[in-house]
PDB file of N, CA and C in Angstrom:
ATOM      1  N   UNK A   1      -8.518   2.844   8.942  1.00  0.00           N
ATOM      2  CA  UNK A   1      -8.678   3.182   7.553  1.00  0.00           C
ATOM      3  C   UNK A   1     -10.131   3.539   7.285  1.00  0.00           C
ATOM      4  N   UNK A   2     -10.341   4.443   6.374  1.00  0.00           N
ATOM      5  CA  UNK A   2     -11.730   4.768   6.029  1.00  0.00           C
ATOM      6  C   UNK A   2     -12.437   3.544   5.457  1.00  0.00           C
ATOM      7  N   UNK A   3     -13.624   3.270   5.950  1.00  0.00           N
ATOM      8  CA  UNK A   3     -14.327   2.062   5.523  1.00  0.00           C
ATOM      9  C   UNK A   3     -14.931   2.194   4.135  1.00  0.00           C
ATOM     10  N   UNK A   4     -15.556   3.320   3.827  1.00  0.00           N
ATOM     11  CA  UNK A   4     -16.281   3.439   2.569  1.00  0.00           C
ATOM     12  C   UNK A   4     -15.747   4.515   1.641  1.00  0.00           C
ATOM     13  N   UNK A   5     -14.864   5.339   2.103  1.00  0.00           N
ATOM     14  CA  UNK A   5     -14.333   6.422   1.282  1.00  0.00           C
ATOM     15  C   UNK A   5     -13.010   6.008   0.645  1.00  0.00           C
ATOM     16  N   UNK A   6     -12.786   6.428  -0.581  1.00  0.00           N
ATOM     17  CA  UNK A   6     -11.506   6.179  -1.240  1.00  0.00           C
ATOM     18  C   UNK A   6     -10.430   6.994  -0.544  1.00  0.00           C
ATOM     19  N   UNK A   7      -9.216   6.478  -0.549  1.00  0.00           N
ATOM     20  CA  UNK A   7      -8.071   7.187   0.012  1.00  0.00           C
ATOM     21  C   UNK A   7      -6.853   6.851  -0.827  1.00  0.00           C
ATOM     22  N   UNK A   8      -5.736   7.487  -0.535  1.00  0.00           N
ATOM     23  CA  UNK A   8      -4.545   7.389  -1.378  1.00  0.00           C
ATOM     24  C   UNK A   8      -3.445   6.620  -0.659  1.00  0.00           C
ATOM     25  N   UNK A   9      -2.805   5.721  -1.388  1.00  0.00           N
ATOM     26  CA  UNK A   9      -1.655   4.978  -0.881  1.00  0.00           C
ATOM     27  C   UNK A   9      -0.412   5.423  -1.648  1.00  0.00           C
ATOM     28  N   UNK A  10       0.610   5.826  -0.928  1.00  0.00           N
ATOM     29  CA  UNK A  10       1.905   6.142  -1.520  1.00  0.00           C
ATOM     30  C   UNK A  10       2.816   4.965  -1.183  1.00  0.00           C
ATOM     31  N   UNK A  11       3.246   4.244  -2.218  1.00  0.00           N
ATOM     32  CA  UNK A  11       4.004   3.011  -2.053  1.00  0.00           C
ATOM     33  C   UNK A  11       5.448   3.280  -2.465  1.00  0.00           C
ATOM     34  N   UNK A  12       6.342   3.226  -1.481  1.00  0.00           N
ATOM     35  CA  UNK A  12       7.762   3.521  -1.706  1.00  0.00           C
ATOM     36  C   UNK A  12       8.551   2.232  -1.510  1.00  0.00           C
ATOM     37  N   UNK A  13       9.166   1.734  -2.592  1.00  0.00           N
ATOM     38  CA  UNK A  13      10.044   0.572  -2.491  1.00  0.00           C
ATOM     39  C   UNK A  13      11.467   1.040  -2.747  1.00  0.00           C
ATOM     40  N   UNK A  14      12.415   0.403  -2.069  1.00  0.00           N
ATOM     41  CA  UNK A  14      13.799   0.859  -2.186  1.00  0.00           C
ATOM     42  C   UNK A  14      14.768  -0.267  -1.870  1.00  0.00           C
ATOM     43  N   UNK A  15      15.998  -0.062  -2.303  1.00  0.00           N
ATOM     44  CA  UNK A  15      17.118  -0.907  -1.906  1.00  0.00           C
ATOM     45  C   UNK A  15      18.137   0.015  -1.261  1.00  0.00           C
ATOM     46  N   UNK A  16      18.441  -0.255   0.002  1.00  0.00           N
ATOM     47  CA  UNK A  16      19.380   0.562   0.757  1.00  0.00           C
ATOM     48  C   UNK A  16      20.816   0.262   0.337  1.00  0.00           C
ATOM     49  N   UNK A  17      21.660   1.292   0.386  1.00  0.00           N
ATOM     50  CA  UNK A  17      23.086   1.066   0.233  1.00  0.00           C
ATOM     51  C   UNK A  17      23.625   0.530   1.565  1.00  0.00           C
ATOM     52  N   UNK A  18      24.867   0.130   1.569  1.00  0.00           N
ATOM     53  CA  UNK A  18      25.493  -0.334   2.813  1.00  0.00           C
ATOM     54  C   UNK A  18      26.115   0.834   3.579  1.00  0.00           C
ATOM     55  N   UNK A  19      26.031   2.022   3.041  1.00  0.00           N
ATOM     56  CA  UNK A  19      26.712   3.189   3.607  1.00  0.00           C
ATOM     57  C   UNK A  19      25.770   4.029   4.470  1.00  0.00           C
ATOM     58  N   UNK A  20      26.351   4.842   5.336  1.00  0.00           N
ATOM     59  CA  UNK A  20      25.621   5.872   6.088  1.00  0.00           C
ATOM     60  C   UNK A  20      24.495   5.308   6.953  1.00  0.00           C
ATOM     61  N   UNK A  21      24.715   4.155   7.572  1.00  0.00           N
ATOM     62  CA  UNK A  21      23.668   3.498   8.359  1.00  0.00           C
ATOM     63  C   UNK A  21      23.154   4.389   9.492  1.00  0.00           C
ATOM     64  N   UNK A  22      24.061   5.009  10.227  1.00  0.00           N
ATOM     65  CA  UNK A  22      23.654   5.850  11.351  1.00  0.00           C
ATOM     66  C   UNK A  22      22.855   7.061  10.916  1.00  0.00           C
ATOM     67  N   UNK A  23      23.332   7.734   9.885  1.00  0.00           N
ATOM     68  CA  UNK A  23      22.625   8.912   9.388  1.00  0.00           C
ATOM     69  C   UNK A  23      21.266   8.521   8.804  1.00  0.00           C
ATOM     70  N   UNK A  24      21.223   7.393   8.120  1.00  0.00           N
ATOM     71  CA  UNK A  24      19.948   6.912   7.581  1.00  0.00           C
ATOM     72  C   UNK A  24      18.939   6.684   8.707  1.00  0.00           C
ATOM     73  N   UNK A  25      19.380   6.045   9.777  1.00  0.00           N
ATOM     74  CA  UNK A  25      18.480   5.752  10.897  1.00  0.00           C
ATOM     75  C   UNK A  25      17.895   7.035  11.476  1.00  0.00           C
ATOM     76  N   UNK A  26      18.698   8.072  11.576  1.00  0.00           N
ATOM     77  CA  UNK A  26      18.218   9.355  12.093  1.00  0.00           C
ATOM     78  C   UNK A  26      17.153   9.935  11.167  1.00  0.00           C
ATOM     79  N   UNK A  27      17.437   9.948   9.871  1.00  0.00           N
ATOM     80  CA  UNK A  27      16.478  10.507   8.905  1.00  0.00           C
ATOM     81  C   UNK A  27      15.211   9.661   8.827  1.00  0.00           C
ATOM     82  N   UNK A  28      15.349   8.348   8.854  1.00  0.00           N
ATOM     83  CA  UNK A  28      14.175   7.477   8.788  1.00  0.00           C
ATOM     84  C   UNK A  28      13.275   7.711   9.996  1.00  0.00           C
ATOM     85  N   UNK A  29      13.868   7.850  11.149  1.00  0.00           N
ATOM     86  CA  UNK A  29      13.100   8.118  12.357  1.00  0.00           C
ATOM     87  C   UNK A  29      12.386   9.463  12.267  1.00  0.00           C
ATOM     88  N   UNK A  30      13.078  10.456  11.750  1.00  0.00           N
ATOM     89  CA  UNK A  30      12.467  11.781  11.613  1.00  0.00           C
ATOM     90  C   UNK A  30      11.316  11.758  10.610  1.00  0.00           C
ATOM     91  N   UNK A  31      11.474  11.059   9.484  1.00  0.00           N
ATOM     92  CA  UNK A  31      10.394  10.982   8.498  1.00  0.00           C
ATOM     93  C   UNK A  31       9.195  10.234   9.089  1.00  0.00           C
ATOM     94  N   UNK A  32       9.452   9.199   9.876  1.00  0.00           N
ATOM     95  CA  UNK A  32       8.390   8.467  10.541  1.00  0.00           C
ATOM     96  C   UNK A  32       7.587   9.397  11.452  1.00  0.00           C
ATOM     97  N   UNK A  33       8.276  10.240  12.170  1.00  0.00           N
ATOM     98  CA  UNK A  33       7.643  11.212  13.062  1.00  0.00           C
ATOM     99  C   UNK A  33       6.910  12.298  12.274  1.00  0.00           C
ATOM    100  N   UNK A  34       7.561  12.820  11.253  1.00  0.00           N
ATOM    101  CA  UNK A  34       7.033  13.948  10.488  1.00  0.00           C
ATOM    102  C   UNK A  34       5.773  13.587   9.689  1.00  0.00           C
ATOM    103  N   UNK A  35       5.751  12.409   9.086  1.00  0.00           N
ATOM    104  CA  UNK A  35       4.585  12.034   8.272  1.00  0.00           C
ATOM    105  C   UNK A  35       3.324  11.967   9.127  1.00  0.00           C
ATOM    106  N   UNK A  36       3.481  11.544  10.378  1.00  0.00           N
ATOM    107  CA  UNK A  36       2.331  11.442  11.286  1.00  0.00           C
ATOM    108  C   UNK A  36       1.685  12.806  11.561  1.00  0.00           C
ATOM    109  N   UNK A  37       2.444  13.874  11.386  1.00  0.00           N
ATOM    110  CA  UNK A  37       1.959  15.228  11.663  1.00  0.00           C
ATOM    111  C   UNK A  37       1.266  15.873  10.466  1.00  0.00           C
ATOM    112  N   UNK A  38       1.310  15.204   9.314  1.00  0.00           N
ATOM    113  CA  UNK A  38       0.801  15.820   8.090  1.00  0.00           C
ATOM    114  C   UNK A  38      -0.716  15.806   8.006  1.00  0.00           C
ATOM    115  N   UNK A  39      -1.318  16.926   7.584  1.00  0.00           N
ATOM    116  CA  UNK A  39      -2.768  16.937   7.370  1.00  0.00           C
ATOM    117  C   UNK A  39      -3.150  15.861   6.348  1.00  0.00           C
ATOM    118  N   UNK A  40      -4.201  15.124   6.648  1.00  0.00           N
ATOM    119  CA  UNK A  40      -4.671  14.079   5.747  1.00  0.00           C
ATOM    120  C   UNK A  40      -4.006  12.732   5.949  1.00  0.00           C
ATOM    121  N   UNK A  41      -2.982  12.674   6.812  1.00  0.00           N
ATOM    122  CA  UNK A  41      -2.303  11.406   7.094  1.00  0.00           C
ATOM    123  C   UNK A  41      -3.260  10.452   7.784  1.00  0.00           C
ATOM    124  N   UNK A  42      -3.239   9.175   7.357  1.00  0.00           N
ATOM    125  CA  UNK A  42      -4.064   8.147   7.994  1.00  0.00           C
ATOM    126  C   UNK A  42      -3.184   7.194   8.797  1.00  0.00           C
ATOM    127  N   UNK A  43      -2.249   6.531   8.112  1.00  0.00           N
ATOM    128  CA  UNK A  43      -1.307   5.622   8.773  1.00  0.00           C
ATOM    129  C   UNK A  43      -0.232   5.214   7.781  1.00  0.00           C
ATOM    130  N   UNK A  44       0.799   4.529   8.286  1.00  0.00           N
ATOM    131  CA  UNK A  44       1.818   3.992   7.392  1.00  0.00           C
ATOM    132  C   UNK A  44       2.447   2.755   8.025  1.00  0.00           C
ATOM    133  N   UNK A  45       3.108   1.964   7.183  1.00  0.00           N
ATOM    134  CA  UNK A  45       3.790   0.757   7.628  1.00  0.00           C
ATOM    135  C   UNK A  45       5.040   0.564   6.777  1.00  0.00           C
ATOM    136  N   UNK A  46       6.093   0.005   7.391  1.00  0.00           N
ATOM    137  CA  UNK A  46       7.356  -0.225   6.689  1.00  0.00           C
ATOM    138  C   UNK A  46       7.920  -1.588   7.047  1.00  0.00           C
ATOM    139  N   UNK A  47       8.679  -2.160   6.111  1.00  0.00           N
ATOM    140  CA  UNK A  47       9.413  -3.402   6.354  1.00  0.00           C
ATOM    141  C   UNK A  47      10.651  -3.395   5.466  1.00  0.00           C
ATOM    142  N   UNK A  48      11.735  -4.025   5.950  1.00  0.00           N
ATOM    143  CA  UNK A  48      12.958  -4.128   5.158  1.00  0.00           C
ATOM    144  C   UNK A  48      13.597  -5.490   5.409  1.00  0.00           C
ATOM    145  N   UNK A  49      14.030  -6.140   4.330  1.00  0.00           N
ATOM    146  CA  UNK A  49      14.751  -7.406   4.424  1.00  0.00           C
ATOM    147  C   UNK A  49      16.217  -7.095   4.705  1.00  0.00           C
ATOM    148  N   UNK A  50      16.771  -7.558   5.815  1.00  0.00           N
ATOM    149  CA  UNK A  50      18.160  -7.221   6.142  1.00  0.00           C
ATOM    150  C   UNK A  50      19.182  -7.850   5.197  1.00  0.00           C
ATOM    151  N   UNK A  51      18.836  -8.933   4.538  1.00  0.00           N
ATOM    152  CA  UNK A  51      19.787  -9.585   3.629  1.00  0.00           C
ATOM    153  C   UNK A  51      19.871  -8.890   2.276  1.00  0.00           C
ATOM    154  N   UNK A  52      18.730  -8.607   1.681  1.00  0.00           N
ATOM    155  CA  UNK A  52      18.719  -7.979   0.357  1.00  0.00           C
ATOM    156  C   UNK A  52      18.692  -6.461   0.436  1.00  0.00           C
ATOM    157  N   UNK A  53      18.366  -5.930   1.618  1.00  0.00           N
ATOM    158  CA  UNK A  53      18.229  -4.492   1.871  1.00  0.00           C
ATOM    159  C   UNK A  53      17.028  -3.894   1.118  1.00  0.00           C
ATOM    160  N   UNK A  54      16.155  -4.757   0.552  1.00  0.00           N
ATOM    161  CA  UNK A  54      14.933  -4.287  -0.098  1.00  0.00           C
ATOM    162  C   UNK A  54      13.932  -3.908   0.978  1.00  0.00           C
ATOM    163  N   UNK A  55      13.277  -2.750   0.791  1.00  0.00           N
ATOM    164  CA  UNK A  55      12.281  -2.307   1.753  1.00  0.00           C
ATOM    165  C   UNK A  55      11.058  -1.742   1.070  1.00  0.00           C
ATOM    166  N   UNK A  56       9.981  -1.682   1.833  1.00  0.00           N
ATOM    167  CA  UNK A  56       8.748  -1.087   1.351  1.00  0.00           C
ATOM    168  C   UNK A  56       8.117  -0.280   2.476  1.00  0.00           C
ATOM    169  N   UNK A  57       7.649   0.891   2.122  1.00  0.00           N
ATOM    170  CA  UNK A  57       6.863   1.723   3.022  1.00  0.00           C
ATOM    171  C   UNK A  57       5.610   2.123   2.275  1.00  0.00           C
ATOM    172  N   UNK A  58       4.470   1.950   2.929  1.00  0.00           N
ATOM    173  CA  UNK A  58       3.208   2.387   2.355  1.00  0.00           C
ATOM    174  C   UNK A  58       2.604   3.394   3.327  1.00  0.00           C
ATOM    175  N   UNK A  59       2.370   4.601   2.825  1.00  0.00           N
ATOM    176  CA  UNK A  59       1.739   5.648   3.625  1.00  0.00           C
ATOM    177  C   UNK A  59       0.371   5.941   3.025  1.00  0.00           C
ATOM    178  N   UNK A  60      -0.620   6.063   3.881  1.00  0.00           N
ATOM    179  CA  UNK A  60      -1.996   6.301   3.449  1.00  0.00           C
ATOM    180  C   UNK A  60      -2.416   7.715   3.818  1.00  0.00           C
ATOM    181  N   UNK A  61      -3.038   8.385   2.859  1.00  0.00           N
ATOM    182  CA  UNK A  61      -3.510   9.755   3.037  1.00  0.00           C
ATOM    183  C   UNK A  61      -4.974   9.842   2.642  1.00  0.00           C
ATOM    184  N   UNK A  62      -5.656  10.820   3.196  1.00  0.00           N
ATOM    185  CA  UNK A  62      -7.089  11.000   2.940  1.00  0.00           C
ATOM    186  C   UNK A  62      -7.380  11.305   1.479  1.00  0.00           C
ATOM    187  N   UNK A  63      -6.449  11.990   0.800  1.00  0.00           N
ATOM    188  CA  UNK A  63      -6.689  12.385  -0.585  1.00  0.00           C
ATOM    189  C   UNK A  63      -5.369  12.673  -1.287  1.00  0.00           C
ATOM    190  N   UNK A  64      -5.450  12.869  -2.592  1.00  0.00           N
ATOM    191  CA  UNK A  64      -4.258  13.106  -3.401  1.00  0.00           C
ATOM    192  C   UNK A  64      -3.546  14.399  -3.007  1.00  0.00           C
ATOM    193  N   UNK A  65      -4.297  15.428  -2.656  1.00  0.00           N
ATOM    194  CA  UNK A  65      -3.684  16.700  -2.259  1.00  0.00           C
ATOM    195  C   UNK A  65      -2.820  16.518  -1.013  1.00  0.00           C
ATOM    196  N   UNK A  66      -3.273  15.720  -0.056  1.00  0.00           N
ATOM    197  CA  UNK A  66      -2.496  15.461   1.159  1.00  0.00           C
ATOM    198  C   UNK A  66      -1.212  14.700   0.834  1.00  0.00           C
ATOM    199  N   UNK A  67      -1.305  13.712  -0.049  1.00  0.00           N
ATOM    200  CA  UNK A  67      -0.123  12.949  -0.461  1.00  0.00           C
ATOM    201  C   UNK A  67       0.866  13.843  -1.196  1.00  0.00           C
ATOM    202  N   UNK A  68       0.363  14.712  -2.072  1.00  0.00           N
ATOM    203  CA  UNK A  68       1.226  15.632  -2.823  1.00  0.00           C
ATOM    204  C   UNK A  68       1.899  16.633  -1.885  1.00  0.00           C
ATOM    205  N   UNK A  69       1.180  17.096  -0.872  1.00  0.00           N
ATOM    206  CA  UNK A  69       1.760  18.041   0.091  1.00  0.00           C
ATOM    207  C   UNK A  69       2.894  17.385   0.866  1.00  0.00           C
ATOM    208  N   UNK A  70       2.737  16.112   1.215  1.00  0.00           N
ATOM    209  CA  UNK A  70       3.799  15.378   1.911  1.00  0.00           C
ATOM    210  C   UNK A  70       5.053  15.312   1.041  1.00  0.00           C
ATOM    211  N   UNK A  71       4.899  15.051  -0.236  1.00  0.00           N
ATOM    212  CA  UNK A  71       6.047  14.969  -1.146  1.00  0.00           C
ATOM    213  C   UNK A  71       6.807  16.288  -1.199  1.00  0.00           C
ATOM    214  N   UNK A  72       6.112  17.415  -1.082  1.00  0.00           N
ATOM    215  CA  UNK A  72       6.723  18.738  -1.233  1.00  0.00           C
ATOM    216  C   UNK A  72       7.196  19.354   0.078  1.00  0.00           C
ATOM    217  N   UNK A  73       6.939  18.720   1.212  1.00  0.00           N
ATOM    218  CA  UNK A  73       7.354  19.252   2.507  1.00  0.00           C
ATOM    219  C   UNK A  73       8.876  19.407   2.543  1.00  0.00           C
ATOM    220  N   UNK A  74       9.362  20.573   2.942  1.00  0.00           N
ATOM    221  CA  UNK A  74      10.792  20.911   2.827  1.00  0.00           C
ATOM    222  C   UNK A  74      11.715  19.862   3.440  1.00  0.00           C
ATOM    223  N   UNK A  75      11.441  19.417   4.637  1.00  0.00           N
ATOM    224  CA  UNK A  75      12.307  18.432   5.289  1.00  0.00           C
ATOM    225  C   UNK A  75      12.255  17.088   4.563  1.00  0.00           C
ATOM    226  N   UNK A  76      11.103  16.761   4.014  1.00  0.00           N
ATOM    227  CA  UNK A  76      10.976  15.533   3.238  1.00  0.00           C
ATOM    228  C   UNK A  76      11.726  15.661   1.906  1.00  0.00           C
ATOM    229  N   UNK A  77      11.703  16.831   1.303  1.00  0.00           N
ATOM    230  CA  UNK A  77      12.463  17.076   0.063  1.00  0.00           C
ATOM    231  C   UNK A  77      13.953  16.856   0.319  1.00  0.00           C
ATOM    232  N   UNK A  78      14.441  17.319   1.466  1.00  0.00           N
ATOM    233  CA  UNK A  78      15.854  17.111   1.824  1.00  0.00           C
ATOM    234  C   UNK A  78      16.140  15.620   2.014  1.00  0.00           C
ATOM    235  N   UNK A  79      15.245  14.900   2.654  1.00  0.00           N
ATOM    236  CA  UNK A  79      15.414  13.454   2.818  1.00  0.00           C
ATOM    237  C   UNK A  79      15.445  12.753   1.462  1.00  0.00           C
ATOM    238  N   UNK A  80      14.621  13.210   0.528  1.00  0.00           N
ATOM    239  CA  UNK A  80      14.618  12.636  -0.821  1.00  0.00           C
ATOM    240  C   UNK A  80      15.973  12.851  -1.496  1.00  0.00           C
ATOM    241  N   UNK A  81      16.516  14.039  -1.347  1.00  0.00           N
ATOM    242  CA  UNK A  81      17.832  14.343  -1.939  1.00  0.00           C
ATOM    243  C   UNK A  81      18.897  13.418  -1.357  1.00  0.00           C
ATOM    244  N   UNK A  82      18.913  13.279  -0.028  1.00  0.00           N
ATOM    245  CA  UNK A  82      19.886  12.411   0.630  1.00  0.00           C
ATOM    246  C   UNK A  82      19.690  10.958   0.218  1.00  0.00           C
ATOM    247  N   UNK A  83      18.440  10.565   0.012  1.00  0.00           N
ATOM    248  CA  UNK A  83      18.171   9.213  -0.452  1.00  0.00           C
ATOM    249  C   UNK A  83      18.822   8.934  -1.789  1.00  0.00           C
ATOM    250  N   UNK A  84      18.685   9.882  -2.710  1.00  0.00           N
ATOM    251  CA  UNK A  84      19.300   9.716  -4.044  1.00  0.00           C
ATOM    252  C   UNK A  84      20.822   9.746  -3.960  1.00  0.00           C
ATOM    253  N   UNK A  85      21.366  10.589  -3.091  1.00  0.00           N
ATOM    254  CA  UNK A  85      22.818  10.766  -3.029  1.00  0.00           C
ATOM    255  C   UNK A  85      23.525   9.715  -2.178  1.00  0.00           C
ATOM    256  N   UNK A  86      22.864   9.214  -1.113  1.00  0.00           N
ATOM    257  CA  UNK A  86      23.585   8.369  -0.156  1.00  0.00           C
ATOM    258  C   UNK A  86      22.876   7.089   0.265  1.00  0.00           C
ATOM    259  N   UNK A  87      21.571   7.128   0.466  1.00  0.00           N
ATOM    260  CA  UNK A  87      20.910   6.048   1.179  1.00  0.00           C
ATOM    261  C   UNK A  87      20.409   4.901   0.307  1.00  0.00           C
ATOM    262  N   UNK A  88      20.061   5.171  -0.950  1.00  0.00           N
ATOM    263  CA  UNK A  88      19.438   4.146  -1.795  1.00  0.00           C
ATOM    264  C   UNK A  88      20.231   3.898  -3.069  1.00  0.00           C
ATOM    265  N   UNK A  89      20.309   2.626  -3.457  1.00  0.00           N
ATOM    266  CA  UNK A  89      20.880   2.302  -4.761  1.00  0.00           C
ATOM    267  C   UNK A  89      19.778   2.332  -5.823  1.00  0.00           C
ATOM    268  N   UNK A  90      18.535   2.181  -5.385  1.00  0.00           N
ATOM    269  CA  UNK A  90      17.387   2.320  -6.281  1.00  0.00           C
ATOM    270  C   UNK A  90      16.124   2.493  -5.448  1.00  0.00           C
ATOM    271  N   UNK A  91      15.125   3.109  -6.054  1.00  0.00           N
ATOM    272  CA  UNK A  91      13.815   3.214  -5.409  1.00  0.00           C
ATOM    273  C   UNK A  91      12.750   3.486  -6.451  1.00  0.00           C
ATOM    274  N   UNK A  92      11.510   3.265  -6.055  1.00  0.00           N
ATOM    275  CA  UNK A  92      10.375   3.642  -6.894  1.00  0.00           C
ATOM    276  C   UNK A  92       9.248   4.120  -5.980  1.00  0.00           C
ATOM    277  N   UNK A  93       8.434   4.995  -6.536  1.00  0.00           N
ATOM    278  CA  UNK A  93       7.268   5.514  -5.824  1.00  0.00           C
ATOM    279  C   UNK A  93       6.058   5.291  -6.717  1.00  0.00           C
ATOM    280  N   UNK A  94       5.036   4.740  -6.115  1.00  0.00           N
ATOM    281  CA  UNK A  94       3.769   4.545  -6.823  1.00  0.00           C
ATOM    282  C   UNK A  94       2.671   5.147  -5.960  1.00  0.00           C
ATOM    283  N   UNK A  95       1.776   5.872  -6.591  1.00  0.00           N
ATOM    284  CA  UNK A  95       0.655   6.495  -5.887  1.00  0.00           C
ATOM    285  C   UNK A  95      -0.619   5.881  -6.446  1.00  0.00           C
ATOM    286  N   UNK A  96      -1.453   5.370  -5.548  1.00  0.00           N
ATOM    287  CA  UNK A  96      -2.658   4.667  -5.980  1.00  0.00           C
ATOM    288  C   UNK A  96      -3.851   5.099  -5.139  1.00  0.00           C
ATOM    289  N   UNK A  97      -5.010   5.016  -5.735  1.00  0.00           N
ATOM    290  CA  UNK A  97      -6.245   5.252  -4.994  1.00  0.00           C
ATOM    291  C   UNK A  97      -6.793   3.914  -4.533  1.00  0.00           C
ATOM    292  N   UNK A  98      -7.112   3.830  -3.267  1.00  0.00           N
ATOM    293  CA  UNK A  98      -7.688   2.618  -2.686  1.00  0.00           C
ATOM    294  C   UNK A  98      -9.196   2.821  -2.618  1.00  0.00           C
ATOM    295  N   UNK A  99      -9.910   1.941  -3.269  1.00  0.00           N
ATOM    296  CA  UNK A  99     -11.364   2.021  -3.286  1.00  0.00           C
ATOM    297  C   UNK A  99     -12.007   1.082  -2.273  1.00  0.00           C
ATOM    298  N   UNK A 100     -11.342  -0.014  -1.996  1.00  0.00           N
ATOM    299  CA  UNK A 100     -11.828  -0.986  -1.022  1.00  0.00           C
ATOM    300  C   UNK A 100     -10.639  -1.518  -0.250  1.00  0.00           C
ATOM    301  N   UNK A 101     -10.887  -1.901   0.993  1.00  0.00           N
ATOM    302  CA  UNK A 101      -9.863  -2.587   1.779  1.00  0.00           C
ATOM    303  C   UNK A 101     -10.537  -3.574   2.706  1.00  0.00           C
ATOM    304  N   UNK A 102      -9.796  -4.599   3.079  1.00  0.00           N
ATOM    305  CA  UNK A 102     -10.308  -5.655   3.945  1.00  0.00           C
ATOM    306  C   UNK A 102      -9.281  -5.898   5.023  1.00  0.00           C
ATOM    307  N   UNK A 103      -9.733  -6.309   6.180  1.00  0.00           N
ATOM    308  CA  UNK A 103      -8.820  -6.605   7.279  1.00  0.00           C
ATOM    309  C   UNK A 103      -9.246  -7.889   7.981  1.00  0.00           C
ATOM    310  N   UNK A 104      -8.297  -8.537   8.595  1.00  0.00           N
ATOM    311  CA  UNK A 104      -8.540  -9.716   9.424  1.00  0.00           C
ATOM    312  C   UNK A 104      -7.648  -9.620  10.647  1.00  0.00           C
ATOM    313  N   UNK A 105      -8.179  -9.925  11.782  1.00  0.00           N
ATOM    314  CA  UNK A 105      -7.392 -10.018  13.008  1.00  0.00           C
ATOM    315  C   UNK A 105      -7.792 -11.311  13.712  1.00  0.00           C
ATOM    316  N   UNK A 106      -6.814 -12.150  13.953  1.00  0.00           N
ATOM    317  CA  UNK A 106      -7.086 -13.412  14.648  1.00  0.00           C
ATOM    318  C   UNK A 106      -7.535 -13.124  16.074  1.00  0.00           C
ATOM    319  N   UNK A 107      -8.446 -13.914  16.574  1.00  0.00           N
ATOM    320  CA  UNK A 107      -8.889 -13.724  17.960  1.00  0.00           C
ATOM    321  C   UNK A 107      -7.717 -13.948  18.922  1.00  0.00           C
ATOM    322  N   UNK A 108      -7.725 -13.207  19.997  1.00  0.00           N
ATOM    323  CA  UNK A 108      -6.654 -13.387  20.994  1.00  0.00           C
ATOM    324  C   UNK A 108      -7.128 -14.186  22.175  1.00  0.00           C
TER     325      UNK A 108
END
């Protein structure tokens, strides 16, 4: 992560439906691959609770223009459509500017 420069976090929270598990896995894998190729991409992380099906993905971009370009990418637009129609019972997207960040790693 950039140490002193502000960057953008796109925070996607969702609740998965119980349907289309196989197709969802294919699309999720493709989006994971595709986001890494985007100009301005820094990193991302995802987690999902298997019991509640609640999940969160946070993707970090160098700037707002890079985050906006990711939202408009044709294959990602198709994934968004499928998400609304089949994969999610609800979701939200929040875009934030990160001004500071801190990290800790336990010694090994």
